[in-house]
Structures are given as C-alpha cells and as structure tokens.
C-alpha cells in the first residue's frame, strides 16, 4: 500500500503516535524485530518473532483480514493497545 508507514520504536518507549491520519479505516501491524533484519522471521510459516495487530483479532493461519484489525477514525484522537504474541 502506498500509504503504509514504517516506524521503529525503542523497547524502553513502547508507544508510537501517528499524526495527520485522515478519517477512515486504518490498521496497524506490529512486529518485534529481534534481529533487526526488517522483517518477521518465520519457521515453517510460524512467526519466530513477536507480532500484534490493532483490535487484537483472533489469529489462526496467516495475518487477519483488514476488517478484523481495522479501526474507524473520524478525525478524533484514538488510543489502541496492541497485544504482542510470541508463538516460538
């Protein structure tokens, strides 16, 4: 997506702020890139690093659908808590 944004967040400051988002549906995917290689490492398709999504949807096989993770913004301030999951 041309509107996607990547942020690096230090572990001792586990929050990030996105300013200037237009009204609409938005979603965030978060990874704990433990080895700093810029991607979510997997073993046999199973994430080896932590991950999470806005709205904390149920995870089965693969990432959730956009509708399961999206948050409707109407220009007002919104605070989302993303639960990190570690499978291996």
N, C-alpha and C. Protein backbone atom coordinates (compact mmCIF):
# COMPACT_ATOMS: atom_id res chain seq x y z
N UNK A 1 0.84 -1.18 0.00
CA UNK A 1 0.00 0.00 0.00
C UNK A 1 0.89 1.24 0.00
N UNK A 2 0.60 2.17 -0.86
CA UNK A 2 1.42 3.39 -0.94
C UNK A 2 1.26 4.27 0.28
N UNK A 3 0.22 4.06 1.07
CA UNK A 3 0.02 4.86 2.28
C UNK A 3 0.64 4.21 3.51
N UNK A 4 1.28 3.07 3.36
CA UNK A 4 1.83 2.38 4.54
C UNK A 4 3.01 3.17 5.11
N UNK A 5 3.19 3.02 6.41
CA UNK A 5 4.23 3.73 7.14
C UNK A 5 4.95 2.73 8.03
N UNK A 6 6.28 2.86 8.11
CA UNK A 6 7.06 2.00 9.00
C UNK A 6 7.69 2.88 10.06
N UNK A 7 7.60 2.45 11.31
CA UNK A 7 8.22 3.16 12.42
C UNK A 7 9.06 2.18 13.23
N UNK A 8 10.18 2.65 13.77
CA UNK A 8 10.98 1.87 14.70
C UNK A 8 10.75 2.48 16.08
N UNK A 9 10.39 1.61 17.03
CA UNK A 9 10.07 2.07 18.37
C UNK A 9 11.01 1.38 19.35
N UNK A 10 11.79 2.13 20.12
CA UNK A 10 12.68 1.51 21.10
C UNK A 10 11.89 0.75 22.18
N UNK A 11 12.45 -0.33 22.66
CA UNK A 11 11.77 -1.17 23.66
C UNK A 11 11.46 -0.42 24.95
N UNK A 12 12.27 0.57 25.30
CA UNK A 12 12.02 1.30 26.54
C UNK A 12 10.97 2.40 26.38
N UNK A 13 10.43 2.57 25.18
CA UNK A 13 9.36 3.54 24.92
C UNK A 13 8.34 2.88 24.01
N UNK A 14 7.59 1.92 24.53
CA UNK A 14 6.73 1.09 23.68
C UNK A 14 5.42 1.74 23.23
N UNK A 15 5.51 2.93 22.67
CA UNK A 15 4.32 3.54 22.09
C UNK A 15 4.74 4.37 20.89
N UNK A 16 3.78 4.60 20.01
CA UNK A 16 4.04 5.40 18.82
C UNK A 16 2.79 6.22 18.53
N UNK A 17 3.02 7.38 17.96
CA UNK A 17 1.91 8.28 17.65
C UNK A 17 1.93 8.56 16.14
N UNK A 18 0.77 8.50 15.54
CA UNK A 18 0.61 8.81 14.12
C UNK A 18 -0.23 10.07 14.01
N UNK A 19 0.35 11.14 13.53
CA UNK A 19 -0.38 12.40 13.35
C UNK A 19 -0.83 12.55 11.90
N UNK A 20 -1.91 13.29 11.71
CA UNK A 20 -2.35 13.64 10.37
C UNK A 20 -3.07 12.54 9.61
N UNK A 21 -3.58 11.53 10.31
CA UNK A 21 -4.34 10.49 9.62
C UNK A 21 -5.71 11.03 9.25
N UNK A 22 -6.12 10.80 8.03
CA UNK A 22 -7.44 11.24 7.60
C UNK A 22 -8.51 10.30 8.16
N UNK A 23 -9.72 10.77 8.18
CA UNK A 23 -10.83 9.94 8.63
C UNK A 23 -10.94 8.71 7.73
N UNK A 24 -11.28 7.59 8.31
CA UNK A 24 -11.41 6.35 7.55
C UNK A 24 -11.00 5.16 8.38
N UNK A 25 -10.84 4.02 7.75
CA UNK A 25 -10.46 2.80 8.44
C UNK A 25 -8.96 2.58 8.31
N UNK A 26 -8.30 2.34 9.43
CA UNK A 26 -6.86 2.15 9.49
C UNK A 26 -6.56 0.92 10.31
N UNK A 27 -5.43 0.28 10.02
CA UNK A 27 -4.99 -0.87 10.80
C UNK A 27 -3.48 -0.79 10.98
N UNK A 28 -2.99 -1.39 12.05
CA UNK A 28 -1.55 -1.43 12.30
C UNK A 28 -1.13 -2.85 12.58
N UNK A 29 0.00 -3.22 12.01
CA UNK A 29 0.64 -4.50 12.31
C UNK A 29 1.95 -4.15 13.01
N UNK A 30 2.26 -4.86 14.08
CA UNK A 30 3.45 -4.59 14.88
C UNK A 30 4.29 -5.86 14.93
N UNK A 31 5.61 -5.72 14.72
CA UNK A 31 6.49 -6.88 14.89
C UNK A 31 7.62 -6.51 15.84
N UNK A 32 8.06 -7.48 16.59
CA UNK A 32 9.24 -7.35 17.44
C UNK A 32 10.39 -7.93 16.63
N UNK A 33 11.07 -7.06 15.91
CA UNK A 33 12.15 -7.48 15.01
C UNK A 33 13.42 -7.70 15.84
N UNK A 34 13.48 -8.84 16.49
CA UNK A 34 14.56 -9.13 17.45
C UNK A 34 15.95 -9.06 16.84
N UNK A 35 16.10 -9.44 15.58
CA UNK A 35 17.43 -9.43 14.96
C UNK A 35 17.63 -8.25 14.01
N UNK A 36 16.72 -7.30 14.01
CA UNK A 36 16.81 -6.05 13.23
C UNK A 36 17.07 -6.27 11.74
N UNK A 37 16.41 -7.29 11.15
CA UNK A 37 16.58 -7.52 9.72
C UNK A 37 15.43 -6.94 8.89
N UNK A 38 14.52 -6.21 9.54
CA UNK A 38 13.45 -5.53 8.83
C UNK A 38 12.29 -6.39 8.40
N UNK A 39 12.18 -7.60 8.92
CA UNK A 39 11.07 -8.47 8.54
C UNK A 39 10.70 -9.40 9.68
N UNK A 40 9.53 -10.02 9.57
CA UNK A 40 9.07 -11.00 10.54
C UNK A 40 9.63 -12.36 10.14
N UNK A 41 10.55 -12.88 10.93
CA UNK A 41 11.14 -14.18 10.62
C UNK A 41 10.16 -15.30 10.96
N UNK A 42 10.15 -16.34 10.12
CA UNK A 42 9.23 -17.47 10.30
C UNK A 42 9.99 -18.78 10.17
N UNK A 43 9.45 -19.81 10.80
CA UNK A 43 9.95 -21.18 10.67
C UNK A 43 8.75 -22.03 10.28
N UNK A 44 8.80 -22.60 9.10
CA UNK A 44 7.69 -23.40 8.56
C UNK A 44 6.38 -22.60 8.60
N UNK A 45 6.47 -21.31 8.29
CA UNK A 45 5.30 -20.45 8.26
C UNK A 45 4.85 -19.91 9.61
N UNK A 46 5.50 -20.31 10.69
CA UNK A 46 5.13 -19.87 12.04
C UNK A 46 6.07 -18.75 12.46
N UNK A 47 5.54 -17.60 12.88
CA UNK A 47 6.41 -16.49 13.29
C UNK A 47 7.36 -16.88 14.42
N UNK A 48 8.63 -16.54 14.24
CA UNK A 48 9.65 -16.77 15.28
C UNK A 48 9.86 -15.53 16.14
N UNK A 49 9.24 -14.42 15.75
CA UNK A 49 9.34 -13.17 16.50
C UNK A 49 7.94 -12.73 16.89
N UNK A 50 7.87 -11.82 17.84
CA UNK A 50 6.58 -11.34 18.31
C UNK A 50 5.86 -10.50 17.27
N UNK A 51 4.52 -10.52 17.33
CA UNK A 51 3.71 -9.75 16.39
C UNK A 51 2.39 -9.37 17.06
N UNK A 52 1.72 -8.39 16.50
CA UNK A 52 0.42 -7.98 17.00
C UNK A 52 -0.29 -7.11 15.98
N UNK A 53 -1.59 -6.92 16.17
CA UNK A 53 -2.41 -6.12 15.26
C UNK A 53 -3.38 -5.28 16.07
N UNK A 54 -3.77 -4.13 15.51
CA UNK A 54 -4.80 -3.34 16.17
C UNK A 54 -6.06 -4.18 16.32
N UNK A 55 -6.82 -3.90 17.36
CA UNK A 55 -8.04 -4.62 17.75
C UNK A 55 -7.76 -6.05 18.22
N UNK A 56 -6.51 -6.48 18.23
CA UNK A 56 -6.13 -7.80 18.76
C UNK A 56 -7.04 -8.93 18.28
N UNK A 57 -7.18 -9.09 16.96
CA UNK A 57 -8.08 -10.12 16.43
C UNK A 57 -7.55 -11.53 16.70
N UNK A 58 -8.44 -12.49 16.62
CA UNK A 58 -8.05 -13.88 16.75
C UNK A 58 -7.15 -14.25 15.57
N UNK A 59 -6.07 -14.95 15.86
CA UNK A 59 -5.13 -15.35 14.83
C UNK A 59 -5.26 -16.86 14.61
N UNK A 60 -5.43 -17.25 13.36
CA UNK A 60 -5.47 -18.67 13.04
C UNK A 60 -4.27 -18.97 12.13
N UNK A 61 -4.47 -19.01 10.85
CA UNK A 61 -3.37 -19.23 9.90
C UNK A 61 -3.18 -17.97 9.09
N UNK A 62 -2.04 -17.33 9.22
CA UNK A 62 -1.76 -16.10 8.50
C UNK A 62 -2.30 -14.88 9.21
N UNK A 63 -2.03 -13.72 8.65
CA UNK A 63 -2.49 -12.48 9.26
C UNK A 63 -4.00 -12.35 9.17
N UNK A 64 -4.60 -11.54 10.04
CA UNK A 64 -6.05 -11.35 9.99
C UNK A 64 -6.44 -10.52 8.77
N UNK A 65 -7.70 -10.58 8.43
CA UNK A 65 -8.22 -9.72 7.37
C UNK A 65 -8.19 -8.27 7.85
N UNK A 66 -8.09 -7.36 6.90
CA UNK A 66 -8.06 -5.94 7.24
C UNK A 66 -9.26 -5.55 8.10
N UNK A 67 -10.43 -6.05 7.77
CA UNK A 67 -11.63 -5.69 8.52
C UNK A 67 -11.56 -6.13 9.97
N UNK A 68 -10.84 -7.21 10.26
CA UNK A 68 -10.72 -7.70 11.64
C UNK A 68 -9.77 -6.85 12.47
N UNK A 69 -8.83 -6.18 11.83
CA UNK A 69 -7.83 -5.38 12.54
C UNK A 69 -8.05 -3.88 12.40
N UNK A 70 -8.95 -3.46 11.54
CA UNK A 70 -9.07 -2.02 11.26
C UNK A 70 -9.86 -1.29 12.35
N UNK A 71 -9.50 -0.02 12.49
CA UNK A 71 -10.13 0.87 13.45
C UNK A 71 -10.68 2.06 12.65
N UNK A 72 -11.93 2.43 12.91
CA UNK A 72 -12.54 3.57 12.22
C UNK A 72 -12.13 4.85 12.93
N UNK A 73 -11.48 5.75 12.20
CA UNK A 73 -11.10 7.04 12.75
C UNK A 73 -11.98 8.12 12.12
N UNK A 74 -12.44 9.02 12.96
CA UNK A 74 -13.28 10.11 12.48
C UNK A 74 -12.59 11.46 12.70
N UNK A 75 -11.27 11.46 12.74
CA UNK A 75 -10.54 12.68 12.97
C UNK A 75 -10.27 12.95 14.43
N UNK A 76 -10.92 12.21 15.31
CA UNK A 76 -10.69 12.37 16.74
C UNK A 76 -9.50 11.54 17.17
N UNK A 77 -9.04 11.80 18.34
CA UNK A 77 -7.93 11.05 18.91
C UNK A 77 -8.38 9.63 19.24
N UNK A 78 -7.53 8.68 18.96
CA UNK A 78 -7.83 7.27 19.25
C UNK A 78 -6.60 6.63 19.88
N UNK A 79 -6.83 5.82 20.87
CA UNK A 79 -5.74 5.12 21.55
C UNK A 79 -5.99 3.62 21.40
N UNK A 80 -5.02 2.92 20.87
CA UNK A 80 -5.14 1.48 20.66
C UNK A 80 -4.04 0.77 21.43
N UNK A 81 -4.37 -0.34 22.05
CA UNK A 81 -3.39 -1.18 22.73
C UNK A 81 -3.24 -2.45 21.91
N UNK A 82 -2.02 -2.75 21.48
CA UNK A 82 -1.76 -3.95 20.67
C UNK A 82 -1.07 -4.97 21.55
N UNK A 83 -1.68 -6.13 21.68
CA UNK A 83 -1.09 -7.23 22.46
C UNK A 83 -0.10 -7.98 21.60
N UNK A 84 1.12 -8.09 22.07
CA UNK A 84 2.14 -8.83 21.34
C UNK A 84 1.96 -10.32 21.61
N UNK A 85 2.18 -11.13 20.56
CA UNK A 85 2.05 -12.59 20.67
C UNK A 85 3.39 -13.21 20.26
N UNK A 86 3.78 -14.20 21.01
CA UNK A 86 5.03 -14.94 20.73
C UNK A 86 4.67 -16.41 20.66
N UNK A 87 4.87 -17.03 19.50
CA UNK A 87 4.47 -18.42 19.29
C UNK A 87 5.64 -19.40 19.47
N UNK A 88 6.85 -19.01 19.13
CA UNK A 88 8.01 -19.90 19.26
C UNK A 88 9.01 -19.31 20.21
